[in-house]
Amino acid sequence: MTIDDLGFTTSNPASYDAIRASHEQLRLTARKAQRTFGVGFLNAGYLAACVRDGIEYDRRAFADTVPEWLPIFEPDSAALGAAGDAILKINQAIPDFMGADNIRRMTGLESDAGGLGESPPH
């Protein structure tokens, strides 16, 4: 996190690379928090289902459940351009490998292509 992120402006602004590096550390910390929260949310969901249904479910039934998170930061135009290039190259090598769902998870963007690709979750 930079000083500017905290609301303190400096007379010498940090370079673009320095800001990106500090944001990378923040992104890694947020990913770690998502993993920790995911386990807690899964446990809360398991307990809620048990209480709701009055049944003690086998925990192994939830073993393959994985929480789905949108990207931590909204991608900037440079990141979207790089992602678009990568997706195009991957799909050229392996046709239709990256679909609408993978792109949404990667960028956080929903398609408004009306029927193209997979439908977004509701």
Protein backbone atom coordinates (compact mmCIF):
# COMPACT_ATOMS: atom_id res chain seq x y z
CA MET A 1 0.00 0.00 0.00
CA THR A 2 1.44 3.35 -0.95
CA ILE A 3 1.29 6.60 1.00
CA ASP A 4 -1.05 7.92 -1.70
CA ASP A 5 -3.40 4.98 -1.05
CA LEU A 6 -3.67 6.16 2.54
CA GLY A 7 -4.62 9.68 1.44
CA PHE A 8 -1.25 11.37 1.94
CA THR A 9 0.10 13.03 -1.17
CA THR A 10 3.83 13.34 -1.63
CA SER A 11 5.82 15.96 -3.50
CA ASN A 12 7.66 13.23 -5.41
CA PRO A 13 5.11 10.77 -6.76
CA ALA A 14 6.24 7.17 -6.84
CA SER A 15 7.06 5.64 -10.19
CA TYR A 16 4.49 3.51 -11.97
CA ASP A 17 6.59 0.39 -11.32
CA ALA A 18 6.92 1.18 -7.60
CA ILE A 19 3.17 1.64 -7.29
CA ARG A 20 2.50 -1.62 -9.17
CA ALA A 21 4.96 -3.46 -6.91
CA SER A 22 3.28 -2.18 -3.76
CA HIS A 23 -0.14 -3.07 -5.13
CA GLU A 24 1.13 -6.56 -5.94
CA GLN A 25 1.91 -7.12 -2.25
CA LEU A 26 -1.56 -5.87 -1.34
CA ARG A 27 -3.08 -8.21 -3.97
CA LEU A 28 -1.20 -11.20 -2.52
CA THR A 29 -2.38 -10.31 0.99
CA ALA A 30 -5.98 -10.06 -0.26
CA ARG A 31 -5.71 -13.46 -1.99
CA LYS A 32 -4.51 -15.01 1.26
CA ALA A 33 -7.46 -13.41 3.07
CA GLN A 34 -9.84 -14.84 0.45
CA ARG A 35 -8.50 -18.35 1.10
CA THR A 36 -8.97 -17.89 4.84
CA PHE A 37 -12.45 -16.40 4.47
CA GLY A 38 -13.41 -19.15 2.02
CA VAL A 39 -12.87 -21.83 4.65
CA GLY A 40 -14.92 -19.84 7.16
CA PHE A 41 -17.75 -19.27 4.69
CA LEU A 42 -17.80 -22.97 3.81
CA ASN A 43 -18.01 -23.94 7.49
CA ALA A 44 -20.78 -21.38 8.08
CA GLY A 45 -22.71 -22.74 5.08
CA TYR A 46 -22.27 -26.33 6.28
CA LEU A 47 -23.56 -25.46 9.77
CA ALA A 48 -26.45 -23.41 8.36
CA ALA A 49 -27.53 -26.32 6.11
CA CYS A 50 -27.37 -28.73 9.08
CA VAL A 51 -29.46 -26.43 11.28
CA ARG A 52 -31.91 -25.60 8.47
CA ASP A 53 -32.54 -29.25 7.59
CA GLY A 54 -32.12 -30.75 11.07
CA ILE A 55 -29.59 -33.23 9.65
CA GLU A 56 -25.89 -33.61 10.34
CA TYR A 57 -24.51 -33.81 6.79
CA ASP A 58 -21.32 -35.68 6.04
CA ARG A 59 -18.59 -33.04 5.74
CA ARG A 60 -17.06 -34.97 2.83
CA ALA A 61 -20.08 -33.93 0.77
CA PHE A 62 -18.67 -30.38 0.85
CA ALA A 63 -15.05 -31.36 0.14
CA ASP A 64 -15.14 -30.30 -3.52
CA THR A 65 -16.87 -26.97 -2.84
CA VAL A 66 -14.63 -24.05 -3.78
CA PRO A 67 -15.63 -20.42 -3.20
CA GLU A 68 -15.53 -18.25 -6.31
CA TRP A 69 -14.08 -14.77 -5.99
CA LEU A 70 -13.96 -11.98 -8.53
CA PRO A 71 -10.57 -10.41 -9.18
CA ILE A 72 -9.20 -8.45 -6.25
CA PHE A 73 -8.51 -5.31 -8.27
CA GLU A 74 -10.38 -4.12 -11.31
CA PRO A 75 -8.00 -4.50 -14.23
CA ASP A 76 -6.75 -1.32 -15.85
CA SER A 77 -6.70 -0.91 -19.61
CA ALA A 78 -3.10 -2.17 -19.89
CA ALA A 79 -3.97 -5.30 -17.91
CA LEU A 80 -7.10 -5.86 -20.04
CA GLY A 81 -5.04 -5.51 -23.20
CA ALA A 82 -2.48 -8.02 -21.94
CA ALA A 83 -5.25 -10.40 -20.84
CA GLY A 84 -6.97 -10.05 -24.20
CA ASP A 85 -3.74 -10.85 -26.04
CA ALA A 86 -3.13 -13.88 -23.82
CA ILE A 87 -6.72 -15.15 -24.24
CA LEU A 88 -6.50 -14.75 -28.02
CA LYS A 89 -3.20 -16.66 -28.17
CA ILE A 90 -4.47 -19.44 -25.91
CA ASN A 91 -7.68 -19.81 -27.94
CA GLN A 92 -5.68 -19.88 -31.17
CA ALA A 93 -3.54 -22.71 -29.80
CA ILE A 94 -6.48 -24.56 -28.21
CA PRO A 95 -9.77 -23.43 -29.79
CA ASP A 96 -12.43 -22.28 -27.30
CA PHE A 97 -10.21 -23.06 -24.29
CA MET A 98 -10.99 -19.71 -22.61
CA GLY A 99 -14.75 -19.11 -22.52
CA ALA A 100 -16.94 -16.42 -20.96
CA ASP A 101 -16.81 -17.96 -17.46
CA ASN A 102 -13.00 -18.11 -17.38
CA ILE A 103 -12.71 -14.58 -18.74
CA ARG A 104 -15.18 -13.31 -16.09
CA ARG A 105 -13.17 -14.96 -13.32
CA MET A 106 -9.95 -13.54 -14.74
CA THR A 107 -11.13 -9.96 -15.36
CA GLY A 108 -14.35 -9.51 -13.38
CA LEU A 109 -16.11 -8.37 -16.55
CA GLU A 110 -19.52 -9.71 -17.51
CA SER A 111 -20.35 -10.28 -21.18
CA ASP A 112 -23.27 -8.40 -22.65
CA ALA A 113 -23.02 -10.33 -25.91
CA GLY A 114 -26.56 -11.67 -25.50
CA GLY A 115 -26.40 -15.43 -25.65
CA LEU A 116 -22.75 -15.81 -26.55
CA GLY A 117 -20.73 -17.89 -24.14
CA GLU A 118 -21.85 -19.19 -20.79
CA SER A 119 -24.44 -17.28 -18.81
CA PRO A 120 -23.30 -15.27 -15.78
CA PRO A 121 -24.34 -16.52 -12.32
CA HIS A 122 -27.44 -15.02 -10.73
